[in-house]
Amino acid sequence: MLSVVIAAHALSAQGPRVDGLREPGSNTIITGVVFDSLANRGLAGATVQIADATGKAWTNTKKTDGTGRFEFVDVPIGTYLLGFFHPKLDSLALSSPVLRVDVRSEQPMVVRLGVPSARTIVRSICGAKSVTDSTGLILGYVRGAETSMPRPNGVVSVRWTEIIIEKKSIHRELPSANASTGPTGLYAMCGIPVSTPIVLQAASEADSSGSFEVTVPATGLLHRDVFVAPFTRTKVAVSDSAPAVELLRGPGRLRGRVIGTNGRPVAGARVMVWGTGLEAATDGDGVFALQGLPGGTHTLEARAVGFMPAETPVDIVQGAPGATEVELTNFGITLDTVRVSAKRLYTSRREADFERRVHTGTGHLIDEKEIEKRKPLVLTDLLRNVPGVMILPDQHSWDVAYMRGGQSILGSGLCRPDLMVDGIRVANDEMFPLNSMVSTTEIRAVEVYAHSAMVPADLASASGCGVIVIWTGARRK
């Protein structure tokens, strides 16, 4: 276990001292602060205890205030043991600190107790050589959603995406890592890239969490407990021609509030938990409620017209319904204020090929005028009414665009089309949701060829399943 760093010192006395000692029976004051190095502020609500180190029946207990400060008065001359307790120590697997304090005079004493820094914790668990600016540690417990108790012998899996840019192509690598919780339910994953979206999921025997996204901060340490629960999968038919989709169900409930960056409630926002297909709308106060949810840690998604979509992990545990607050960023905050205009929209060779394909009439074109008219929140909003394209949710409730023919992946003749962005072919698979590839504010045109027989020669489909071509850039107003 990692010990907590503690320091103590006596305040300098004012004026000359003779021997600095008082006759037996004199008392002093011990003040101090419990500092949380991870949050860079005082640790409120910590239980600080002082006890006689020689076995005498003298003890005292104080709680830290909102700034992490505490004070013991009338402490007799003697030797003491001083330490503190807090749930954060337990969650980080840190041992309870103990400091030896010698009181030899009436001089007031100041002590400082603290949770160690992120880098200190990472170095202790992962080793000194593993501490870098680009990698860090994910640390936490796997807990049961029914009791919130740690679950031994569980498994935690993470994966992330690395984009490899080469001369004529862009492709992705999907690194992954696994860790066991051991008998205590604690897991620790070293060497995880910082400031990178990480998809995490945990399992313990037959119980599991959902997939959710986390990011290791620049400090190098992310503390995240994961809750697991039994899953019940229910087959739901989304249309007469498409196969049934298995969606998660359970007894869980979730309530919360959606607000904007200005703190005001967002009414009419749509919220859903991935993998469930269950959706609710916020009321005039931005409040929503969902029920019938699976227990455990899952991803909550919120969308509203005029705002960027937001995703956040939520813990759905037994008892009172979980509560969460989601903040949406207005599109206007993220848009570039510079407007670029030109007489000709497409000027490169590839864009000239685009114009040529448009004039052949073999595909379906979604141009600037149509995009501005429909005001889509996500890419699949543009594709829903395109002939030959079917939008269905996958196991995470992400929208997926399917076409017929080619290499069927659902056993019903449906397949994933090839995907190109600005003339560069990119992978279209379950690891990289279609709607996360490009913001609708950046789309200026979309070409859809819903069958391999319709695909022009210069866009030859490798899968035989049709092609979707996305062009980005500033749209003319």
Protein backbone atom coordinates (compact mmCIF):
# COMPACT_ATOMS: atom_id res chain seq x y z
CA MET A 1 0.00 0.00 0.00
CA LEU A 2 1.11 3.56 -0.66
CA SER A 3 1.57 5.69 2.46
CA VAL A 4 0.31 9.24 2.58
CA VAL A 5 2.90 12.03 2.82
CA ILE A 6 2.67 13.89 6.13
CA ALA A 7 4.71 16.78 7.55
CA ALA A 8 4.70 18.69 10.84
CA HIS A 9 6.50 21.68 12.26
CA ALA A 10 6.26 24.07 15.20
CA LEU A 11 5.53 27.76 14.81
CA SER A 12 8.40 30.07 15.74
CA ALA A 13 7.89 31.68 19.13
CA GLN A 14 7.85 35.46 19.40
CA GLY A 15 10.71 36.84 21.53
CA PRO A 16 13.59 35.01 23.30
CA ARG A 17 13.21 31.59 24.86
CA VAL A 18 14.86 30.34 28.02
CA ASP A 19 14.49 26.61 27.66
CA GLY A 20 11.30 26.31 25.56
CA LEU A 21 9.77 23.92 28.10
CA ARG A 22 6.82 24.29 30.38
CA GLU A 23 6.22 22.49 33.61
CA PRO A 24 4.21 19.25 33.31
CA GLY A 25 0.53 19.81 32.82
CA SER A 26 0.81 22.70 30.37
CA ASN A 27 -1.21 22.37 27.19
CA THR A 28 -0.90 23.50 23.56
CA ILE A 29 -2.93 23.79 20.35
CA ILE A 30 -2.38 21.66 17.24
CA THR A 31 -3.86 23.00 14.04
CA GLY A 32 -3.46 21.79 10.50
CA VAL A 33 -4.92 20.98 7.12
CA VAL A 34 -5.57 17.80 5.20
CA PHE A 35 -4.64 18.58 1.59
CA ASP A 36 -5.93 16.65 -1.42
CA SER A 37 -3.10 16.79 -3.96
CA LEU A 38 -5.26 15.17 -6.64
CA ALA A 39 -7.94 17.89 -6.49
CA ASN A 40 -5.44 20.61 -5.46
CA ARG A 41 -7.57 21.73 -2.52
CA GLY A 42 -8.27 20.94 1.12
CA LEU A 43 -9.98 17.61 1.82
CA ALA A 44 -13.33 18.32 3.46
CA GLY A 45 -14.99 15.81 5.76
CA ALA A 46 -11.82 13.91 6.72
CA THR A 47 -11.76 12.33 10.18
CA VAL A 48 -8.56 13.36 11.98
CA GLN A 49 -7.60 11.45 15.13
CA ILE A 50 -4.93 12.03 17.75
CA ALA A 51 -4.05 9.47 20.45
CA ASP A 52 -1.42 9.16 23.18
CA ALA A 53 1.47 7.07 21.85
CA THR A 54 2.44 5.71 25.28
CA GLY A 55 -0.79 3.86 25.90
CA LYS A 56 -2.53 6.45 28.09
CA ALA A 57 -6.27 6.81 27.63
CA TRP A 58 -6.17 10.16 25.83
CA THR A 59 -7.67 10.53 22.37
CA ASN A 60 -9.49 13.18 20.40
CA THR A 61 -11.27 13.26 17.03
CA LYS A 62 -12.10 16.15 14.72
CA LYS A 63 -13.66 16.57 11.28
CA THR A 64 -12.06 18.84 8.72
CA ASP A 65 -14.12 21.79 7.54
CA GLY A 66 -14.88 22.74 3.95
CA THR A 67 -11.29 23.88 3.42
CA GLY A 68 -9.72 20.78 4.98
CA ARG A 69 -8.71 22.52 8.24
CA PHE A 70 -8.86 21.07 11.77
CA GLU A 71 -7.80 22.07 15.29
CA PHE A 72 -7.09 20.27 18.57
CA VAL A 73 -7.02 22.41 21.72
CA ASP A 74 -5.71 21.64 25.23
CA VAL A 75 -3.26 18.96 24.07
CA PRO A 76 -1.08 18.05 27.12
CA ILE A 77 2.70 17.64 26.98
CA GLY A 78 3.45 14.19 25.60
CA THR A 79 3.96 12.04 22.50
CA TYR A 80 1.07 11.34 20.16
CA LEU A 81 0.06 9.53 17.00
CA LEU A 82 -1.86 11.65 14.49
CA GLY A 83 -3.63 10.48 11.35
CA PHE A 84 -6.73 10.84 9.21
CA PHE A 85 -9.34 8.71 7.47
CA HIS A 86 -11.44 9.45 4.40
CA PRO A 87 -13.31 7.35 1.81
CA LYS A 88 -10.96 8.71 -0.85
CA LEU A 89 -8.06 6.87 0.78
CA ASP A 90 -10.00 3.61 0.58
CA SER A 91 -11.02 4.17 -3.04
CA LEU A 92 -7.39 4.80 -4.03
CA ALA A 93 -6.13 1.80 -2.03
CA LEU A 94 -3.99 4.07 0.16
CA SER A 95 -3.04 3.03 3.69
CA SER A 96 -4.17 5.18 6.59
CA PRO A 97 -1.36 7.63 7.49
CA VAL A 98 0.12 7.87 10.98
CA LEU A 99 2.35 10.74 12.16
CA ARG A 100 4.31 10.82 15.44
CA VAL A 101 4.00 14.21 17.15
CA ASP A 102 6.09 15.25 20.17
CA VAL A 103 4.56 18.06 22.27
CA ARG A 104 7.28 19.55 24.46
CA SER A 105 6.10 23.12 25.01
CA GLU A 106 3.07 25.34 24.85
CA GLN A 107 4.09 26.55 21.39
CA PRO A 108 1.19 26.12 18.94
CA MET A 109 1.96 23.44 16.36
CA VAL A 110 0.97 23.25 12.71
CA VAL A 111 0.75 19.89 10.94
CA ARG A 112 0.06 19.08 7.32
CA LEU A 113 -1.47 15.82 6.20
CA GLY A 114 -2.19 15.01 2.60
CA VAL A 115 -3.15 12.65 -0.19
CA PRO A 116 -0.09 12.17 -2.45
CA SER A 117 0.09 13.61 -5.95
CA ALA A 118 -1.09 11.73 -9.03
CA ARG A 119 2.48 11.16 -10.25
CA THR A 120 3.49 9.76 -6.86
CA ILE A 121 0.62 7.27 -6.94
CA VAL A 122 1.36 6.27 -10.55
CA ARG A 123 5.05 5.82 -9.74
CA SER A 124 4.26 3.68 -6.71
CA ILE A 125 1.87 1.36 -8.58
CA CYS A 126 3.37 1.27 -12.07
CA GLY A 127 7.06 1.86 -11.33
CA ALA A 128 9.27 4.87 -11.86
CA LYS A 129 10.09 3.96 -15.47
CA SER A 130 6.41 3.97 -16.43
CA VAL A 131 5.83 7.63 -15.51
CA THR A 132 5.74 9.66 -18.74
CA ASP A 133 3.91 12.69 -20.07
CA SER A 134 1.97 10.60 -22.60
CA THR A 135 0.76 7.65 -20.49
CA GLY A 136 -0.94 7.23 -17.16
CA LEU A 137 -2.93 4.98 -14.81
CA ILE A 138 -6.59 4.05 -14.49
CA LEU A 139 -7.34 2.90 -10.94
CA GLY A 140 -10.53 1.83 -9.19
CA TYR A 141 -12.76 -0.95 -7.92
CA VAL A 142 -15.22 -3.17 -9.72
CA ARG A 143 -18.39 -3.12 -7.60
CA GLY A 144 -21.74 -4.88 -7.69
CA ALA A 145 -24.66 -2.59 -8.55
CA GLU A 146 -26.84 -4.41 -5.98
CA THR A 147 -24.68 -3.76 -2.89
CA SER A 148 -21.90 -1.42 -4.14
CA MET A 149 -19.42 -3.86 -2.58
CA PRO A 150 -16.15 -4.70 -4.40
CA ARG A 151 -16.31 -7.75 -6.67
CA PRO A 152 -13.27 -10.05 -6.64
CA ASN A 153 -11.82 -11.78 -9.68
CA GLY A 154 -13.39 -9.42 -12.18
CA VAL A 155 -11.94 -8.31 -15.51
CA VAL A 156 -11.63 -4.77 -16.85
CA SER A 157 -11.04 -4.18 -20.56
CA VAL A 158 -10.08 -0.95 -22.30
CA ARG A 159 -9.54 -0.04 -25.93
CA TRP A 160 -8.77 3.12 -27.83
CA THR A 161 -8.22 4.32 -31.36
CA GLU A 162 -4.95 5.45 -32.90
CA ILE A 163 -5.19 7.17 -36.29
CA ILE A 164 -2.29 6.36 -38.64
CA ILE A 165 -1.89 8.88 -41.47
CA GLU A 166 0.11 7.70 -44.45
CA LYS A 167 0.76 9.21 -47.85
CA LYS A 168 -2.36 7.98 -49.61
CA SER A 169 -4.51 6.53 -46.87
CA ILE A 170 -5.72 6.87 -43.32
CA HIS A 171 -6.20 3.76 -41.21
CA ARG A 172 -6.80 2.98 -37.56
CA GLU A 173 -5.17 0.73 -35.05
CA LEU A 174 -7.21 -0.44 -32.06
CA PRO A 175 -4.91 -1.15 -29.08
CA SER A 176 -6.49 -2.82 -26.07
CA ALA A 177 -5.58 -3.93 -22.56
CA ASN A 178 -7.08 -6.09 -19.83
CA ALA A 179 -6.65 -6.17 -16.05
CA SER A 180 -7.91 -8.47 -13.29
CA THR A 181 -9.34 -7.14 -10.05
CA GLY A 182 -7.87 -9.90 -7.91
CA PRO A 183 -9.39 -10.82 -4.53
CA THR A 184 -9.96 -7.22 -3.38
CA GLY A 185 -11.91 -5.98 -6.40
CA LEU A 186 -9.21 -3.36 -7.13
CA TYR A 187 -7.92 -2.94 -10.68
CA ALA A 188 -4.98 -0.90 -11.96
CA MET A 189 -4.13 -0.35 -15.63
CA CYS A 190 -0.76 1.25 -16.40
CA GLY A 191 0.51 2.64 -19.68
CA ILE A 192 -2.84 4.07 -20.80
CA PRO A 193 -2.51 7.12 -23.10
CA VAL A 194 -3.51 10.45 -21.56
CA SER A 195 -5.92 12.94 -23.15
CA THR A 196 -7.28 10.17 -25.40
CA PRO A 197 -10.85 8.80 -25.37
CA ILE A 198 -10.74 5.31 -23.83
CA VAL A 199 -13.64 2.84 -24.03
CA LEU A 200 -13.88 0.86 -20.79
CA GLN A 201 -16.00 -2.14 -19.78
CA ALA A 202 -15.90 -4.46 -16.76
CA ALA A 203 -17.25 -7.93 -16.02
CA SER A 204 -17.46 -10.20 -12.97
CA GLU A 205 -18.72 -13.73 -13.53
CA ALA A 206 -22.07 -13.32 -15.36
CA ASP A 207 -22.41 -9.63 -14.51
CA SER A 208 -21.17 -6.79 -16.67
CA SER A 209 -21.13 -3.04 -17.12
CA GLY A 210 -21.91 -1.28 -20.36
CA SER A 211 -19.24 0.28 -22.55
CA PHE A 212 -18.46 3.86 -21.60
CA GLU A 213 -15.83 6.45 -22.47
CA VAL A 214 -13.27 7.95 -20.09
CA THR A 215 -10.14 10.06 -20.54
CA VAL A 216 -6.97 9.95 -18.44
CA PRO A 217 -6.18 13.60 -17.57
CA ALA A 218 -2.80 15.22 -18.13
CA THR A 219 -1.94 14.57 -14.45
CA GLY A 220 -1.62 10.88 -15.38
CA LEU A 221 -4.18 9.40 -12.95
CA LEU A 222 -7.86 8.60 -13.46
CA HIS A 223 -9.82 7.11 -10.56
CA ARG A 224 -13.01 5.38 -11.75
CA ASP A 225 -15.04 2.70 -9.97
CA VAL A 226 -17.12 0.51 -12.29
CA PHE A 227 -20.45 -1.07 -11.34
CA VAL A 228 -21.57 -4.40 -12.82
CA ALA A 229 -24.97 -6.09 -12.82
CA PRO A 230 -26.84 -8.92 -14.58
CA PHE A 231 -28.01 -8.09 -18.09
CA THR A 232 -31.39 -8.99 -19.55
CA ARG A 233 -31.50 -8.77 -23.34
CA THR A 234 -34.83 -8.28 -25.08
CA LYS A 235 -35.31 -8.66 -28.84
CA VAL A 236 -37.04 -5.64 -30.36
CA ALA A 237 -38.16 -5.46 -34.01
CA VAL A 238 -37.30 -2.08 -35.52
CA SER A 239 -39.02 -2.71 -38.89
CA ASP A 240 -40.69 -5.48 -40.86
CA SER A 241 -37.73 -5.99 -43.20
CA ALA A 242 -34.88 -5.73 -40.66
CA PRO A 243 -33.80 -8.34 -38.12
CA ALA A 244 -34.72 -7.87 -34.45
CA VAL A 245 -32.19 -5.98 -32.33
CA GLU A 246 -31.24 -7.17 -28.84
CA LEU A 247 -31.60 -4.34 -26.32
CA LEU A 248 -30.71 -4.23 -22.62
CA ARG A 249 -33.36 -4.07 -19.92
CA GLY A 250 -33.44 -4.12 -16.13
CA PRO A 251 -35.01 -2.64 -12.98
CA GLY A 252 -32.77 0.44 -12.88
CA ARG A 253 -33.96 4.04 -12.82
CA LEU A 254 -32.16 7.24 -13.70
CA ARG A 255 -33.14 10.85 -13.33
CA GLY A 256 -31.21 13.98 -14.13
CA ARG A 257 -31.05 17.41 -15.68
CA VAL A 258 -29.70 18.79 -18.94
CA ILE A 259 -28.28 22.31 -18.89
CA GLY A 260 -26.41 24.61 -21.26
CA THR A 261 -22.97 26.11 -20.66
CA ASN A 262 -24.73 29.13 -19.14
CA GLY A 263 -26.32 26.91 -16.49
CA ARG A 264 -29.83 27.32 -17.86
CA PRO A 265 -32.03 24.22 -18.35
CA VAL A 266 -32.39 22.80 -21.86
CA ALA A 267 -36.02 21.85 -22.56
CA GLY A 268 -36.91 19.21 -25.16
CA ALA A 269 -33.49 17.53 -25.13
CA ARG A 270 -33.50 13.82 -25.99
CA VAL A 271 -31.64 11.54 -23.59
CA MET A 272 -30.97 7.80 -23.86
CA VAL A 273 -28.78 5.09 -22.33
CA TRP A 274 -26.67 3.23 -24.88
CA GLY A 275 -27.74 -0.29 -25.63
CA THR A 276 -31.27 0.10 -24.27
CA GLY A 277 -33.16 1.96 -27.00
CA LEU A 278 -34.98 3.77 -24.17
CA GLU A 279 -35.34 7.50 -24.63
CA ALA A 280 -36.89 10.42 -22.77
CA ALA A 281 -37.32 14.16 -23.32
CA THR A 282 -36.49 16.85 -20.78
CA ASP A 283 -39.27 19.07 -19.43
CA GLY A 284 -39.24 22.85 -19.12
CA ASP A 285 -36.78 22.63 -16.22
CA GLY A 286 -34.42 20.39 -18.18
CA VAL A 287 -35.35 17.38 -16.02
CA PHE A 288 -35.71 13.83 -17.37
CA ALA A 289 -36.44 10.36 -15.95
CA LEU A 290 -35.76 6.90 -17.37
CA GLN A 291 -36.74 3.49 -16.02
CA GLY A 292 -36.42 -0.15 -17.07
CA LEU A 293 -32.64 0.32 -17.33
CA PRO A 294 -29.96 -2.33 -16.73
CA GLY A 295 -27.91 -1.87 -13.58
CA GLY A 296 -24.23 -0.96 -13.61
CA THR A 297 -22.16 1.72 -15.28
CA HIS A 298 -23.41 2.77 -18.73
CA THR A 299 -23.27 5.70 -21.14
CA LEU A 300 -25.91 8.40 -21.14
CA GLU A 301 -26.26 10.45 -24.33
CA ALA A 302 -28.05 13.79 -24.60
CA ARG A 303 -28.94 15.70 -27.79
CA ALA A 304 -30.79 18.94 -28.48
CA VAL A 305 -31.25 21.17 -31.50
CA GLY A 306 -28.54 23.84 -31.56
CA PHE A 307 -26.20 21.96 -29.20
CA MET A 308 -23.31 19.55 -29.56
CA PRO A 309 -24.26 15.99 -28.45
CA ALA A 310 -22.86 15.01 -25.04
CA GLU A 311 -22.03 11.59 -23.59
CA THR A 312 -21.26 10.83 -19.94
CA PRO A 313 -20.87 7.66 -17.82
CA VAL A 314 -23.66 7.04 -15.30
CA ASP A 315 -23.81 4.57 -12.40
CA ILE A 316 -27.20 2.85 -12.10
CA VAL A 317 -27.24 1.15 -8.70
CA GLN A 318 -29.90 -0.48 -6.56
CA GLY A 319 -31.91 1.75 -4.25
CA ALA A 320 -32.69 5.37 -4.96
CA PRO A 321 -32.62 6.27 -8.65
CA GLY A 322 -29.28 7.57 -9.85
CA ALA A 323 -29.00 11.28 -10.59
CA THR A 324 -26.78 13.05 -13.08
CA GLU A 325 -26.35 16.42 -14.74
CA VAL A 326 -25.38 16.78 -18.39
CA GLU A 327 -24.01 20.00 -19.87
CA LEU A 328 -24.51 20.71 -23.58
CA THR A 329 -22.29 23.07 -25.56
CA ASN A 330 -24.00 25.40 -28.01
CA PHE A 331 -22.97 24.97 -31.65
CA GLY A 332 -22.27 28.69 -31.82
CA ILE A 333 -19.45 28.36 -29.29
CA THR A 334 -17.57 25.84 -31.39
CA LEU A 335 -18.13 27.27 -34.88
CA ASP A 336 -15.44 29.22 -36.67
CA THR A 337 -16.40 32.88 -37.00
CA VAL A 338 -14.55 33.26 -40.32
CA ARG A 339 -16.76 32.89 -43.41
CA VAL A 340 -15.11 31.81 -46.65
CA SER A 341 -16.89 32.28 -50.00
CA ALA A 342 -15.94 31.52 -53.58
CA LYS A 343 -17.53 31.47 -57.01
CA ARG A 344 -16.80 27.78 -57.41
CA LEU A 345 -17.35 25.25 -54.65
CA TYR A 346 -15.18 22.45 -56.03
CA THR A 347 -11.77 23.34 -57.50
CA SER A 348 -9.52 20.27 -57.13
CA ARG A 349 -9.35 17.27 -59.44
CA ARG A 350 -11.23 15.11 -56.96
CA GLU A 351 -13.94 17.73 -56.66
CA ALA A 352 -14.17 17.98 -60.43
CA ASP A 353 -14.74 14.22 -60.44
CA PHE A 354 -17.52 14.84 -57.95
CA GLU A 355 -19.28 17.19 -60.37
CA ARG A 356 -18.92 14.66 -63.15
CA ARG A 357 -20.49 11.90 -61.01
CA VAL A 358 -23.34 14.20 -60.02
CA HIS A 359 -24.22 14.76 -63.66
CA THR A 360 -24.36 11.00 -64.36
CA GLY A 361 -27.38 10.70 -62.01
CA THR A 362 -26.45 7.18 -60.80
CA GLY A 363 -26.26 8.10 -57.12
CA HIS A 364 -28.19 10.17 -54.61
CA LEU A 365 -26.80 13.64 -53.90
CA ILE A 366 -27.39 15.61 -50.70
CA ASP A 367 -26.21 19.13 -51.46
CA GLU A 368 -25.75 22.29 -49.40
CA LYS A 369 -29.30 23.46 -49.93
CA GLU A 370 -30.74 20.18 -48.65
CA ILE A 371 -28.41 20.14 -45.65
CA GLU A 372 -29.34 23.68 -44.66
CA LYS A 373 -33.04 22.83 -45.04
CA ARG A 374 -32.94 19.69 -42.91
CA LYS A 375 -30.53 21.01 -40.23
CA PRO A 376 -29.33 17.54 -39.14
CA LEU A 377 -27.92 16.89 -35.68
CA VAL A 378 -25.86 13.92 -36.88
CA LEU A 379 -24.80 12.41 -40.20
CA THR A 380 -27.36 9.60 -40.09
CA ASP A 381 -30.13 12.21 -39.97
CA LEU A 382 -29.18 13.01 -43.58
CA LEU A 383 -29.17 9.35 -44.61
CA ARG A 384 -32.51 8.20 -43.13
CA ASN A 385 -34.65 8.99 -46.18
CA VAL A 386 -32.13 8.01 -48.86
CA PRO A 387 -33.45 5.13 -51.02
CA GLY A 388 -31.58 1.89 -50.37
CA VAL A 389 -30.16 3.02 -47.02
CA MET A 390 -31.44 1.65 -43.71
CA ILE A 391 -30.46 3.20 -40.34
CA LEU A 392 -30.52 0.72 -37.44
CA PRO A 393 -29.12 0.81 -33.89
CA ASP A 394 -26.27 -1.53 -32.98
CA GLN A 395 -25.65 -3.12 -29.57
CA HIS A 396 -24.53 0.25 -28.18
CA SER A 397 -27.59 2.02 -29.65
CA TRP A 398 -25.29 3.84 -32.09
CA ASP A 399 -26.90 4.53 -35.46
CA VAL A 400 -25.43 2.38 -38.24
CA ALA A 401 -26.07 2.82 -41.97
CA TYR A 402 -26.76 -0.46 -43.82
CA MET A 403 -27.33 -1.35 -47.45
CA ARG A 404 -28.29 -4.58 -49.18
CA GLY A 405 -25.88 -6.90 -50.97
CA GLY A 406 -22.17 -7.40 -50.58
CA GLN A 407 -20.86 -9.19 -47.49
CA SER A 408 -23.87 -9.61 -45.22
CA ILE A 409 -23.12 -9.18 -41.53
CA LEU A 410 -26.59 -9.49 -40.07
CA GLY A 411 -27.72 -12.67 -41.80
CA SER A 412 -30.43 -10.83 -43.74
CA GLY A 413 -28.59 -9.38 -46.72
CA LEU A 414 -27.63 -6.15 -44.92
CA CYS A 415 -24.04 -4.91 -44.99
CA ARG A 416 -21.95 -1.86 -44.11
CA PRO A 417 -21.12 0.32 -47.13
CA ASP A 418 -17.66 1.65 -47.92
CA LEU A 419 -17.03 5.11 -46.52
CA MET A 420 -14.95 7.95 -47.96
CA VAL A 421 -14.26 11.39 -46.46
CA ASP A 422 -12.87 14.04 -48.82
CA GLY A 423 -11.73 11.37 -51.25
CA ILE A 424 -9.92 9.25 -48.64
CA ARG A 425 -11.29 5.80 -47.82
CA VAL A 426 -11.82 5.19 -44.10
CA ALA A 427 -12.90 2.10 -42.20
CA ASN A 428 -16.58 1.66 -41.36
CA ASP A 429 -16.90 -0.69 -38.39
CA GLU A 430 -18.41 -0.97 -34.93
CA MET A 431 -15.32 0.48 -33.24
CA PHE A 432 -15.77 3.94 -34.77
CA PRO A 433 -19.40 5.16 -34.83
CA LEU A 434 -20.46 6.76 -38.10
CA ASN A 435 -21.82 9.86 -36.37
CA SER A 436 -18.49 10.56 -34.64
CA MET A 437 -16.50 10.80 -37.87
CA VAL A 438 -17.48 14.32 -38.86
CA SER A 439 -19.67 17.09 -37.45
CA THR A 440 -22.73 18.02 -39.52
CA THR A 441 -21.59 21.65 -39.37
CA GLU A 442 -18.60 20.64 -41.52
CA ILE A 443 -20.51 18.62 -44.15
CA ARG A 444 -21.11 20.41 -47.46
CA ALA A 445 -22.22 17.45 -49.60
CA VAL A 446 -22.88 13.70 -49.44
CA GLU A 447 -22.93 11.17 -52.30
CA VAL A 448 -24.75 7.88 -51.73
CA TYR A 449 -24.45 4.87 -54.06
CA ALA A 450 -26.77 2.30 -52.47
CA HIS A 451 -25.71 -0.67 -54.61
CA SER A 452 -22.37 -1.84 -55.97
CA ALA A 453 -23.74 -1.73 -59.52
CA MET A 454 -24.31 2.02 -59.15
CA VAL A 455 -20.81 2.84 -57.87
CA PRO A 456 -18.64 4.76 -60.39
CA ALA A 457 -15.34 3.15 -61.35
CA ASP A 458 -13.24 5.74 -59.50
CA LEU A 459 -15.06 4.87 -56.23
CA ALA A 460 -14.91 1.09 -56.62
CA SER A 461 -16.44 -0.63 -53.60
CA ALA A 462 -14.13 -3.10 -51.89
CA SER A 463 -17.00 -4.76 -50.02
CA GLY A 464 -19.54 -4.83 -52.83
CA CYS A 465 -21.95 -3.01 -50.55
CA GLY A 466 -22.23 0.45 -52.04
CA VAL A 467 -20.41 3.64 -51.08
CA ILE A 468 -21.10 6.77 -49.01
CA VAL A 469 -18.90 9.77 -49.88
CA ILE A 470 -18.72 12.77 -47.54
CA TRP A 471 -17.33 16.15 -48.54
CA THR A 472 -16.42 18.68 -45.85
CA GLY A 473 -15.75 22.40 -45.82
CA ALA A 474 -17.51 25.73 -45.43
CA ARG A 475 -21.02 25.86 -46.91
CA ARG A 476 -22.19 28.81 -48.98
CA LYS A 477 -24.99 30.81 -47.38
